[in-house]
C-alpha atoms as a PDB file:
ATOM      1  CA  MET A   1      -0.241   0.125  -0.111  1.00  0.00           C
ATOM      2  CA  VAL A   2       1.200   3.458  -0.826  1.00  0.00           C
ATOM      3  CA  ARG A   3      -1.721   5.582   0.670  1.00  0.00           C
ATOM      4  CA  PHE A   4      -1.864   6.354   4.434  1.00  0.00           C
ATOM      5  CA  LEU A   5      -5.190   7.677   5.278  1.00  0.00           C
ATOM      6  CA  LEU A   6      -4.928   9.896   8.517  1.00  0.00           C
ATOM      7  CA  ALA A   7      -8.357  11.577   8.097  1.00  0.00           C
ATOM      8  CA  ILE A   8      -8.690  12.520  11.654  1.00  0.00           C
ATOM      9  CA  LEU A   9      -7.939  15.900  12.027  1.00  0.00           C
ATOM     10  CA  PHE A  10     -10.880  17.369  12.957  1.00  0.00           C
ATOM     11  CA  LEU A  11     -12.910  15.040  14.804  1.00  0.00           C
ATOM     12  CA  THR A  12     -16.358  15.817  16.418  1.00  0.00           C
ATOM     13  CA  GLY A  13     -15.683  14.591  20.021  1.00  0.00           C
ATOM     14  CA  MET A  14     -16.130  11.001  20.024  1.00  0.00           C
ATOM     15  CA  VAL A  15     -13.882   9.877  22.656  1.00  0.00           C
ATOM     16  CA  LEU A  16     -13.735   7.406  25.747  1.00  0.00           C
ATOM     17  CA  GLU A  17     -13.434   8.404  29.400  1.00  0.00           C
ATOM     18  CA  PRO A  18     -10.181  10.090  28.737  1.00  0.00           C
ATOM     19  CA  LYS A  19      -6.376   8.954  30.363  1.00  0.00           C
ATOM     20  CA  SER A  20      -5.077  12.353  30.108  1.00  0.00           C
ATOM     21  CA  CYS A  21      -6.857  14.691  27.605  1.00  0.00           C
ATOM     22  CA  ASN A  22      -8.533  14.545  24.360  1.00  0.00           C
ATOM     23  CA  ILE A  23      -6.122  15.290  22.040  1.00  0.00           C
ATOM     24  CA  GLY A  24      -7.274  15.791  18.506  1.00  0.00           C
ATOM     25  CA  PHE A  25      -4.846  15.493  15.887  1.00  0.00           C
ATOM     26  CA  GLY A  26      -5.936  18.212  13.557  1.00  0.00           C
ATOM     27  CA  SER A  27      -4.774  20.911  16.951  1.00  0.00           C
ATOM     28  CA  PRO A  28      -3.537  23.659  15.151  1.00  0.00           C
ATOM     29  CA  THR A  29      -0.275  23.476  17.453  1.00  0.00           C
ATOM     30  CA  PRO A  30       0.435  19.719  17.997  1.00  0.00           C
ATOM     31  CA  ALA A  31       3.607  19.083  20.130  1.00  0.00           C
ATOM     32  CA  PRO A  32       6.982  18.881  17.957  1.00  0.00           C
ATOM     33  CA  SER A  33       7.372  15.198  19.216  1.00  0.00           C
ATOM     34  CA  GLY A  34       4.040  14.112  17.926  1.00  0.00           C
ATOM     35  CA  PHE A  35       1.401  12.466  20.143  1.00  0.00           C
ATOM     36  CA  SER A  36       1.761   9.101  21.907  1.00  0.00           C
ATOM     37  CA  LEU A  37      -0.626   7.234  23.893  1.00  0.00           C
ATOM     38  CA  SER A  38       1.058   6.133  27.677  1.00  0.00           C
ATOM     39  CA  VAL A  39       1.077   2.382  27.035  1.00  0.00           C
ATOM     40  CA  PRO A  40       3.524   0.234  28.915  1.00  0.00           C
ATOM     41  CA  PHE A  41       6.142  -1.467  27.216  1.00  0.00           C
ATOM     42  CA  PHE A  42       6.899  -5.226  27.889  1.00  0.00           C
ATOM     43  CA  TYR A  43       9.114  -7.301  25.811  1.00  0.00           C
ATOM     44  CA  GLN A  44       7.444 -10.678  24.480  1.00  0.00           C
ATOM     45  CA  SER A  45       8.817 -14.047  25.936  1.00  0.00           C
ATOM     46  CA  PRO A  46       9.308 -16.283  22.826  1.00  0.00           C
ATOM     47  CA  GLN A  47       6.235 -17.123  20.611  1.00  0.00           C
ATOM     48  CA  TYR A  48       4.570 -14.244  22.705  1.00  0.00           C
ATOM     49  CA  CYS A  49       4.196 -11.766  21.069  1.00  0.00           C
ATOM     50  CA  GLY A  50      -0.126 -11.708  20.980  1.00  0.00           C
ATOM     51  CA  PRO A  51       0.155 -11.810  24.815  1.00  0.00           C
ATOM     52  CA  ALA A  52       2.711  -9.642  25.347  1.00  0.00           C
ATOM     53  CA  SER A  53       0.737  -7.151  23.230  1.00  0.00           C
ATOM     54  CA  ILE A  54      -2.456  -7.953  25.184  1.00  0.00           C
ATOM     55  CA  GLU A  55      -0.089  -7.398  27.955  1.00  0.00           C
ATOM     56  CA  MET A  56       0.630  -4.023  27.031  1.00  0.00           C
ATOM     57  CA  TRP A  57      -2.920  -2.738  26.093  1.00  0.00           C
ATOM     58  CA  ALA A  58      -4.496  -4.585  29.269  1.00  0.00           C
ATOM     59  CA  ALA A  59      -1.680  -2.479  31.423  1.00  0.00           C
ATOM     60  CA  TYR A  60      -3.038   0.808  29.469  1.00  0.00           C
ATOM     61  CA  ASP A  61      -6.556  -0.072  31.017  1.00  0.00           C
ATOM     62  CA  GLY A  62      -5.073  -0.571  34.593  1.00  0.00           C
ATOM     63  CA  ARG A  63      -5.071  -4.372  34.307  1.00  0.00           C
ATOM     64  CA  THR A  64      -2.179  -6.332  35.516  1.00  0.00           C
ATOM     65  CA  VAL A  65      -1.958  -9.705  33.808  1.00  0.00           C
ATOM     66  CA  SER A  66       0.962 -11.808  32.763  1.00  0.00           C
ATOM     67  CA  GLN A  67       1.780 -13.004  29.541  1.00  0.00           C
ATOM     68  CA  GLN A  68       1.997 -16.739  30.754  1.00  0.00           C
ATOM     69  CA  ALA A  69      -1.886 -15.905  32.131  1.00  0.00           C
ATOM     70  CA  ILE A  70      -2.719 -14.380  28.706  1.00  0.00           C
ATOM     71  CA  ALA A  71      -1.466 -17.065  27.037  1.00  0.00           C
ATOM     72  CA  SER A  72      -2.786 -20.100  28.934  1.00  0.00           C
ATOM     73  CA  TYR A  73      -6.894 -18.206  28.413  1.00  0.00           C
ATOM     74  CA  ILE A  74      -6.302 -17.824  24.849  1.00  0.00           C
ATOM     75  CA  GLY A  75      -4.608 -21.052  23.912  1.00  0.00           C
ATOM     76  CA  CYS A  76      -1.294 -19.888  22.780  1.00  0.00           C
ATOM     77  CA  THR A  77       1.500 -22.253  22.768  1.00  0.00           C
ATOM     78  CA  VAL A  78       4.852 -22.615  21.620  1.00  0.00           C
ATOM     79  CA  ASN A  79       3.816 -22.034  17.851  1.00  0.00           C
ATOM     80  CA  GLY A  80       2.506 -18.853  18.674  1.00  0.00           C
ATOM     81  CA  SER A  81      -1.334 -17.697  18.364  1.00  0.00           C
ATOM     82  CA  THR A  82      -3.745 -17.266  16.162  1.00  0.00           C
ATOM     83  CA  GLN A  83      -5.343 -14.076  14.990  1.00  0.00           C
ATOM     84  CA  ALA A  84      -8.936 -15.683  16.759  1.00  0.00           C
ATOM     85  CA  GLN A  85      -6.897 -16.321  19.809  1.00  0.00           C
ATOM     86  CA  ILE A  86      -5.404 -12.830  19.778  1.00  0.00           C
ATOM     87  CA  LEU A  87      -8.917 -11.124  19.442  1.00  0.00           C
ATOM     88  CA  LYS A  88     -10.226 -13.462  22.104  1.00  0.00           C
ATOM     89  CA  GLY A  89      -7.466 -12.447  24.796  1.00  0.00           C
ATOM     90  CA  VAL A  90      -7.806  -8.169  23.596  1.00  0.00           C
ATOM     91  CA  GLN A  91     -11.916  -9.064  24.272  1.00  0.00           C
ATOM     92  CA  TYR A  92     -11.606 -10.772  27.653  1.00  0.00           C
ATOM     93  CA  PHE A  93      -8.414  -8.804  29.193  1.00  0.00           C
ATOM     94  CA  THR A  94      -8.995  -5.275  28.319  1.00  0.00           C
ATOM     95  CA  THR A  95     -11.680  -2.533  29.163  1.00  0.00           C
ATOM     96  CA  SER A  96     -11.448  -0.201  26.131  1.00  0.00           C
ATOM     97  CA  GLY A  97     -10.851  -3.000  23.688  1.00  0.00           C
ATOM     98  CA  HIS A  98     -13.669  -5.569  24.979  1.00  0.00           C
ATOM     99  CA  ASP A  99     -16.059  -4.918  21.686  1.00  0.00           C
ATOM    100  CA  ALA A 100     -12.845  -5.648  19.777  1.00  0.00           C
ATOM    101  CA  ALA A 101     -12.651  -6.699  16.141  1.00  0.00           C
ATOM    102  CA  LEU A 102     -10.939  -7.932  13.706  1.00  0.00           C
ATOM    103  CA  LEU A 103     -10.639  -6.219  10.484  1.00  0.00           C
ATOM    104  CA  TYR A 104      -8.819  -7.267   7.282  1.00  0.00           C
ATOM    105  CA  ASN A 105      -6.896  -4.649   4.611  1.00  0.00           C
ATOM    106  CA  GLY A 106      -8.922  -6.026   1.793  1.00  0.00           C
ATOM    107  CA  GLY A 107     -11.396  -7.646   0.214  1.00  0.00           C
ATOM    108  CA  GLU A 108     -13.713  -6.827  -2.630  1.00  0.00           C
ATOM    109  CA  GLY A 109     -14.216  -3.342  -3.712  1.00  0.00           C
ATOM    110  CA  ASP A 110     -12.284  -0.184  -4.536  1.00  0.00           C
ATOM    111  CA  PRO A 111      -8.503  -1.180  -2.990  1.00  0.00           C
ATOM    112  CA  SER A 112      -8.073   2.806  -2.168  1.00  0.00           C
ATOM    113  CA  THR A 113     -11.341   3.377  -0.460  1.00  0.00           C
ATOM    114  CA  ILE A 114     -10.902  -0.027   1.747  1.00  0.00           C
ATOM    115  CA  ALA A 115      -6.876   0.877   2.564  1.00  0.00           C
ATOM    116  CA  GLY A 116      -8.436   4.678   3.376  1.00  0.00           C
ATOM    117  CA  ASP A 117     -11.041   2.863   5.639  1.00  0.00           C
ATOM    118  CA  TYR A 118      -8.737   0.971   7.248  1.00  0.00           C
ATOM    119  CA  TYR A 119      -5.935   3.326   7.973  1.00  0.00           C
ATOM    120  CA  SER A 120      -8.622   5.758   9.388  1.00  0.00           C
ATOM    121  CA  ALA A 121      -9.780   3.136  12.187  1.00  0.00           C
ATOM    122  CA  GLU A 122      -6.382   3.125  13.223  1.00  0.00           C
ATOM    123  CA  ILE A 123      -6.120   7.046  13.863  1.00  0.00           C
ATOM    124  CA  THR A 124      -9.523   7.326  14.838  1.00  0.00           C
ATOM    125  CA  SER A 125      -8.687   4.788  17.655  1.00  0.00           C
ATOM    126  CA  ILE A 126      -5.505   6.645  18.567  1.00  0.00           C
ATOM    127  CA  ASN A 127      -7.239   9.957  18.633  1.00  0.00           C
ATOM    128  CA  ALA A 128     -10.071   8.469  20.476  1.00  0.00           C
ATOM    129  CA  LEU A 129      -7.065   7.507  23.031  1.00  0.00           C
ATOM    130  CA  VAL A 130      -7.934   3.644  22.828  1.00  0.00           C
ATOM    131  CA  PRO A 131      -4.556   1.626  21.152  1.00  0.00           C
ATOM    132  CA  VAL A 132      -4.594  -0.330  18.153  1.00  0.00           C
ATOM    133  CA  MET A 133      -2.863  -3.887  17.681  1.00  0.00           C
ATOM    134  CA  PRO A 134      -1.691  -4.169  14.150  1.00  0.00           C
ATOM    135  CA  LEU A 135      -0.753  -7.712  12.569  1.00  0.00           C
ATOM    136  CA  VAL A 136       2.102  -6.991  10.724  1.00  0.00           C
ATOM    137  CA  ASN A 137       4.571  -9.373   8.481  1.00  0.00           C
ATOM    138  CA  GLY A 138       1.648 -11.156   6.812  1.00  0.00           C
ATOM    139  CA  ALA A 139      -0.359 -11.388   9.954  1.00  0.00           C
ATOM    140  CA  THR A 140       2.225 -13.607  11.958  1.00  0.00           C
ATOM    141  CA  HIS A 141       3.759 -10.506  14.150  1.00  0.00           C
ATOM    142  CA  ALA A 142       1.936  -8.230  16.722  1.00  0.00           C
ATOM    143  CA  GLY A 143       2.194  -5.105  18.470  1.00  0.00           C
ATOM    144  CA  ILE A 144       0.585  -1.667  19.573  1.00  0.00           C
ATOM    145  CA  LEU A 145       0.007   1.065  17.572  1.00  0.00           C
ATOM    146  CA  ILE A 146       0.422   4.142  19.899  1.00  0.00           C
ATOM    147  CA  GLY A 147       0.502   7.690  18.460  1.00  0.00           C
ATOM    148  CA  GLY A 148       2.643   9.646  15.560  1.00  0.00           C
ATOM    149  CA  GLN A 149       3.307  12.953  14.165  1.00  0.00           C
ATOM    150  CA  TRP A 150       2.226  14.862  11.647  1.00  0.00           C
ATOM    151  CA  HIS A 151       2.140  18.724  10.079  1.00  0.00           C
ATOM    152  CA  TYR A 152       0.201  20.936   8.356  1.00  0.00           C
ATOM    153  CA  ASP A 153       2.065  21.804   4.572  1.00  0.00           C
ATOM    154  CA  THR A 154       0.874  25.335   4.410  1.00  0.00           C
ATOM    155  CA  ASP A 155       2.164  25.309   0.379  1.00  0.00           C
ATOM    156  CA  VAL A 156      -0.158  22.394  -0.445  1.00  0.00           C
ATOM    157  CA  SER A 157      -2.661  23.500   2.338  1.00  0.00           C
ATOM    158  CA  LEU A 158      -2.492  19.478   3.245  1.00  0.00           C
ATOM    159  CA  TYR A 159      -2.301  17.767   6.506  1.00  0.00           C
ATOM    160  CA  VAL A 160       0.508  15.037   6.060  1.00  0.00           C
ATOM    161  CA  TRP A 161       1.290  12.491   8.069  1.00  0.00           C
ATOM    162  CA  ASP A 162       5.018  12.050   8.957  1.00  0.00           C
ATOM    163  CA  SER A 163       5.229   8.828  10.964  1.00  0.00           C
ATOM    164  CA  VAL A 164       3.294   6.642  13.570  1.00  0.00           C
ATOM    165  CA  LEU A 165       4.966   4.931  16.510  1.00  0.00           C
ATOM    166  CA  PHE A 166       4.589   1.136  17.243  1.00  0.00           C
ATOM    167  CA  ASP A 167       5.440  -0.411  20.118  1.00  0.00           C
ATOM    168  CA  ASP A 168       7.143  -4.083  18.891  1.00  0.00           C
ATOM    169  CA  PRO A 169       7.291  -6.179  21.675  1.00  0.00           C
ATOM    170  CA  ALA A 170      10.170  -8.383  19.958  1.00  0.00           C
ATOM    171  CA  VAL A 171      12.243  -5.452  19.247  1.00  0.00           C
ATOM    172  CA  GLY A 172      11.732  -2.516  21.429  1.00  0.00           C
ATOM    173  CA  PRO A 173       9.126   0.530  22.265  1.00  0.00           C
ATOM    174  CA  ALA A 174       8.071   3.325  20.373  1.00  0.00           C
ATOM    175  CA  ARG A 175       9.485   1.860  17.004  1.00  0.00           C
ATOM    176  CA  PRO A 176       9.172   5.025  14.409  1.00  0.00           C
ATOM    177  CA  PHE A 177       8.059   4.247  11.153  1.00  0.00           C
ATOM    178  CA  ALA A 178       7.750   6.950   8.348  1.00  0.00           C
ATOM    179  CA  ALA A 179       3.909   7.159   7.191  1.00  0.00           C
ATOM    180  CA  ALA A 180       4.902   5.793   3.534  1.00  0.00           C
ATOM    181  CA  ASP A 181       7.319   3.054   5.054  1.00  0.00           C
ATOM    182  CA  TRP A 182       4.146   1.921   7.827  1.00  0.00           C
ATOM    183  CA  THR A 183       1.567   1.339   4.708  1.00  0.00           C
ATOM    184  CA  GLY A 184       4.404  -1.144   3.324  1.00  0.00           C
ATOM    185  CA  TYR A 185       4.788  -2.933   6.594  1.00  0.00           C
ATOM    186  CA  ASP A 186       2.296  -5.369   5.311  1.00  0.00           C
ATOM    187  CA  ASP A 187       0.028  -3.950   8.413  1.00  0.00           C
ATOM    188  CA  VAL A 188      -2.801  -6.322   6.490  1.00  0.00           C
ATOM    189  CA  GLU A 189      -5.062  -6.656   9.460  1.00  0.00           C
ATOM    190  CA  HIS A 190      -5.716  -5.057  12.927  1.00  0.00           C
ATOM    191  CA  ILE A 191      -7.724  -5.526  16.194  1.00  0.00           C
ATOM    192  CA  VAL A 192      -9.683  -2.280  16.758  1.00  0.00           C
ATOM    193  CA  SER A 193     -11.995  -1.328  19.455  1.00  0.00           C
ATOM    194  CA  LEU A 194     -15.817  -0.819  17.440  1.00  0.00           C
ATOM    195  CA  PHE A 195     -16.628   2.096  19.530  1.00  0.00           C
ATOM    196  CA  ALA A 196     -13.269   3.579  19.436  1.00  0.00           C
ATOM    197  CA  THR A 197     -13.404   3.531  15.440  1.00  0.00           C
ATOM    198  CA  ALA A 198     -17.112   4.700  14.836  1.00  0.00           C
ATOM    199  CA  GLN A 199     -16.603   7.457  13.342  1.00  0.00           C
ATOM    200  CA  SER A 200     -13.449   6.398  11.102  1.00  0.00           C
ATOM    201  CA  ALA A 201     -15.422   5.739   7.793  1.00  0.00           C
ATOM    202  CA  TYR A 202     -17.039   9.610   8.341  1.00  0.00           C
ATOM    203  CA  ASN A 203     -13.546  10.570   8.988  1.00  0.00           C
ATOM    204  CA  TYR A 204     -12.047   9.346   5.894  1.00  0.00           C
ATOM    205  CA  TYR A 205     -14.618  10.560   3.599  1.00  0.00           C
ATOM    206  CA  GLU A 206     -14.807  14.053   5.296  1.00  0.00           C
ATOM    207  CA  TYR A 207     -10.890  14.881   5.485  1.00  0.00           C
ATOM    208  CA  GLY A 208      -9.521  12.377   3.238  1.00  0.00           C
ATOM    209  CA  GLY A 209      -9.104  14.535   0.301  1.00  0.00           C
ATOM    210  CA  ARG A 210      -6.766  16.347   2.122  1.00  0.00           C
ATOM    211  CA  VAL A 211      -4.413  14.319   3.536  1.00  0.00           C
ATOM    212  CA  GLY A 212      -1.187  13.368   1.971  1.00  0.00           C
ATOM    213  CA  VAL A 213       1.711  10.693   2.883  1.00  0.00           C
ATOM    214  CA  ARG A 214       5.239  11.965   3.942  1.00  0.00           C
ATOM    215  CA  GLY A 215       7.306  10.352   1.365  1.00  0.00           C
ATOM    216  CA  SER A 216       4.747   9.722  -1.673  1.00  0.00           C
ATOM    217  CA  GLY A 217       4.470  13.258  -2.444  1.00  0.00           C
ATOM    218  CA  LEU A 218       7.018  15.473  -1.304  1.00  0.00           C
ATOM    219  CA  GLY A 219       8.252  16.586  -4.225  1.00  0.00           C
ATOM    220  CA  GLY A 220       6.009  15.768  -6.597  1.00  0.00           C
ATOM    221  CA  HIS A 221       2.824  15.493  -6.093  1.00  0.00           C
ATOM    222  CA  PHE A 222       0.259  14.602  -2.815  1.00  0.00           C
ATOM    223  CA  LEU A 223      -1.786  10.997  -3.414  1.00  0.00           C
ATOM    224  CA  PRO A 224      -5.675  12.464  -3.252  1.00  0.00           C
ATOM    225  CA  TYR A 225      -5.882   9.906   0.033  1.00  0.00           C
END
């Protein structure tokens, strides 16, 4: 994918009970360092990227649970976890993800629209202060998406998403990805709260035409979404 929809720039107040404050990615004066959810980080035990990601999300919600307990509940083995097992763990061990669903970046329809809705769900959730769990590398690895950084380009009057931050339990916390690189990181599925992402389609269709991707348009043209 080369298009990164981050059309979440002037949300209309759909937030869960805030963890700190209601941050809109379209704030006129974003912090130079961007915005990041305060998700506690844990390295994974071998083959436990799913349980480790659930542990991080649960800790963000104020719940303490070990990777071993999570693995036992979801049925994780030395061979890892399935998508369905990880989803089961998110629904059971987290509060903000109790209504979580597994969404796929693909299917029938316009590929650009499907991708736009998919990435809009990620940033809509972050804007609502709820983590997202992308399943990357062909859905063979899990981690927690915690935030990112954007800027407003006055030359072209577009909001440009520069980077995202990914808590990778195998690599380390707040792993930065340029936005265009993130869409090429094989982010093919993610687990998101349905409530936290309820406005994602609206955000995409309302703002998608004014969002570009740093690296995919600078020095040339910005993609329309």
